[in-house]
Amino acid sequence: METVQIRLTDKQIRNIENLVKKGVYPNRSEAVRDAVRRLVEEAAE
């Protein structure tokens, strides 16, 4: 797996951290990976 560096706003980070705190994702990296995965799959349709 390759590493990709991104910049997010404070609000975006807070929203991701809230998802992690709620247990939706185990960590921020997995939340971002899932968001990218969904975007790519949607664009491929």
N, C-alpha and C. Protein backbone atom coordinates (compact mmCIF):
# COMPACT_ATOMS: atom_id res chain seq x y z
N MET A 1 0.85 -1.17 0.00
CA MET A 1 0.00 0.00 0.00
C MET A 1 0.90 1.24 0.00
N GLU A 2 0.55 2.20 -0.83
CA GLU A 2 1.33 3.43 -0.94
C GLU A 2 0.76 4.51 -0.03
N THR A 3 1.61 5.38 0.46
CA THR A 3 1.18 6.49 1.31
C THR A 3 0.92 7.72 0.45
N VAL A 4 -0.20 8.40 0.73
CA VAL A 4 -0.57 9.63 0.03
C VAL A 4 -0.80 10.71 1.08
N GLN A 5 -0.18 11.85 0.89
CA GLN A 5 -0.33 12.94 1.84
C GLN A 5 -1.44 13.88 1.38
N ILE A 6 -2.34 14.26 2.31
CA ILE A 6 -3.43 15.19 1.98
C ILE A 6 -3.53 16.25 3.07
N ARG A 7 -4.17 17.35 2.73
CA ARG A 7 -4.44 18.41 3.71
C ARG A 7 -5.95 18.52 3.86
N LEU A 8 -6.40 18.56 5.11
CA LEU A 8 -7.82 18.68 5.41
C LEU A 8 -8.04 19.90 6.29
N THR A 9 -9.25 20.45 6.21
CA THR A 9 -9.58 21.57 7.08
C THR A 9 -9.78 21.05 8.50
N ASP A 10 -9.73 21.97 9.45
CA ASP A 10 -9.97 21.59 10.85
C ASP A 10 -11.34 20.95 11.01
N LYS A 11 -12.33 21.48 10.30
CA LYS A 11 -13.69 20.93 10.38
C LYS A 11 -13.73 19.50 9.86
N GLN A 12 -13.06 19.24 8.75
CA GLN A 12 -13.04 17.89 8.19
C GLN A 12 -12.38 16.92 9.16
N ILE A 13 -11.30 17.34 9.78
CA ILE A 13 -10.62 16.48 10.75
C ILE A 13 -11.52 16.22 11.95
N ARG A 14 -12.20 17.25 12.44
CA ARG A 14 -13.12 17.06 13.57
C ARG A 14 -14.22 16.07 13.21
N ASN A 15 -14.76 16.20 12.01
CA ASN A 15 -15.82 15.28 11.57
C ASN A 15 -15.31 13.85 11.50
N ILE A 16 -14.12 13.66 10.98
CA ILE A 16 -13.53 12.32 10.91
C ILE A 16 -13.28 11.78 12.32
N GLU A 17 -12.74 12.61 13.19
CA GLU A 17 -12.48 12.18 14.56
C GLU A 17 -13.78 11.81 15.28
N ASN A 18 -14.86 12.52 14.99
CA ASN A 18 -16.16 12.17 15.58
C ASN A 18 -16.61 10.79 15.13
N LEU A 19 -16.39 10.46 13.86
CA LEU A 19 -16.74 9.12 13.37
C LEU A 19 -15.93 8.05 14.08
N VAL A 20 -14.67 8.34 14.33
CA VAL A 20 -13.81 7.38 15.05
C VAL A 20 -14.30 7.23 16.49
N LYS A 21 -14.61 8.34 17.15
CA LYS A 21 -15.08 8.28 18.54
C LYS A 21 -16.39 7.51 18.65
N LYS A 22 -17.25 7.61 17.62
CA LYS A 22 -18.53 6.89 17.62
C LYS A 22 -18.35 5.41 17.30
N GLY A 23 -17.15 5.03 16.88
CA GLY A 23 -16.88 3.63 16.57
C GLY A 23 -17.21 3.24 15.14
N VAL A 24 -17.50 4.24 14.30
CA VAL A 24 -17.80 3.94 12.89
C VAL A 24 -16.55 3.42 12.19
N TYR A 25 -15.39 3.98 12.54
CA TYR A 25 -14.11 3.56 11.99
C TYR A 25 -13.13 3.36 13.13
N PRO A 26 -12.17 2.46 12.96
CA PRO A 26 -11.19 2.23 14.04
C PRO A 26 -10.17 3.36 14.18
N ASN A 27 -9.94 4.11 13.09
CA ASN A 27 -8.97 5.21 13.13
C ASN A 27 -9.22 6.16 11.96
N ARG A 28 -8.54 7.30 11.98
CA ARG A 28 -8.73 8.31 10.93
C ARG A 28 -8.31 7.80 9.56
N SER A 29 -7.23 7.05 9.51
CA SER A 29 -6.75 6.54 8.22
C SER A 29 -7.80 5.67 7.55
N GLU A 30 -8.43 4.80 8.31
CA GLU A 30 -9.45 3.92 7.73
C GLU A 30 -10.66 4.73 7.27
N ALA A 31 -11.01 5.77 7.99
CA ALA A 31 -12.12 6.63 7.58
C ALA A 31 -11.83 7.30 6.24
N VAL A 32 -10.62 7.82 6.09
CA VAL A 32 -10.24 8.48 4.84
C VAL A 32 -10.15 7.46 3.71
N ARG A 33 -9.58 6.28 3.97
CA ARG A 33 -9.51 5.23 2.94
C ARG A 33 -10.90 4.86 2.45
N ASP A 34 -11.85 4.72 3.38
CA ASP A 34 -13.21 4.36 3.00
C ASP A 34 -13.86 5.47 2.17
N ALA A 35 -13.63 6.72 2.55
CA ALA A 35 -14.19 7.84 1.79
C ALA A 35 -13.65 7.86 0.36
N VAL A 36 -12.35 7.64 0.21
CA VAL A 36 -11.74 7.62 -1.12
C VAL A 36 -12.25 6.42 -1.91
N ARG A 37 -12.34 5.26 -1.26
CA ARG A 37 -12.84 4.05 -1.91
C ARG A 37 -14.25 4.29 -2.46
N ARG A 38 -15.11 4.89 -1.64
CA ARG A 38 -16.49 5.14 -2.07
C ARG A 38 -16.53 6.12 -3.24
N LEU A 39 -15.73 7.17 -3.19
CA LEU A 39 -15.69 8.16 -4.26
C LEU A 39 -15.23 7.54 -5.57
N VAL A 40 -14.19 6.73 -5.50
CA VAL A 40 -13.66 6.09 -6.71
C VAL A 40 -14.68 5.11 -7.29
N GLU A 41 -15.32 4.32 -6.44
CA GLU A 41 -16.33 3.38 -6.92
C GLU A 41 -17.51 4.11 -7.56
N GLU A 42 -17.94 5.21 -6.94
CA GLU A 42 -19.06 5.98 -7.48
C GLU A 42 -18.69 6.59 -8.83
N ALA A 43 -17.48 7.10 -8.96
CA ALA A 43 -17.04 7.71 -10.21
C ALA A 43 -16.91 6.67 -11.32
N ALA A 44 -16.64 5.42 -10.96
CA ALA A 44 -16.46 4.36 -11.95
C ALA A 44 -17.78 3.86 -12.52
N GLU A 45 -18.88 4.19 -11.87
CA GLU A 45 -20.19 3.70 -12.34
C GLU A 45 -20.67 4.41 -13.57
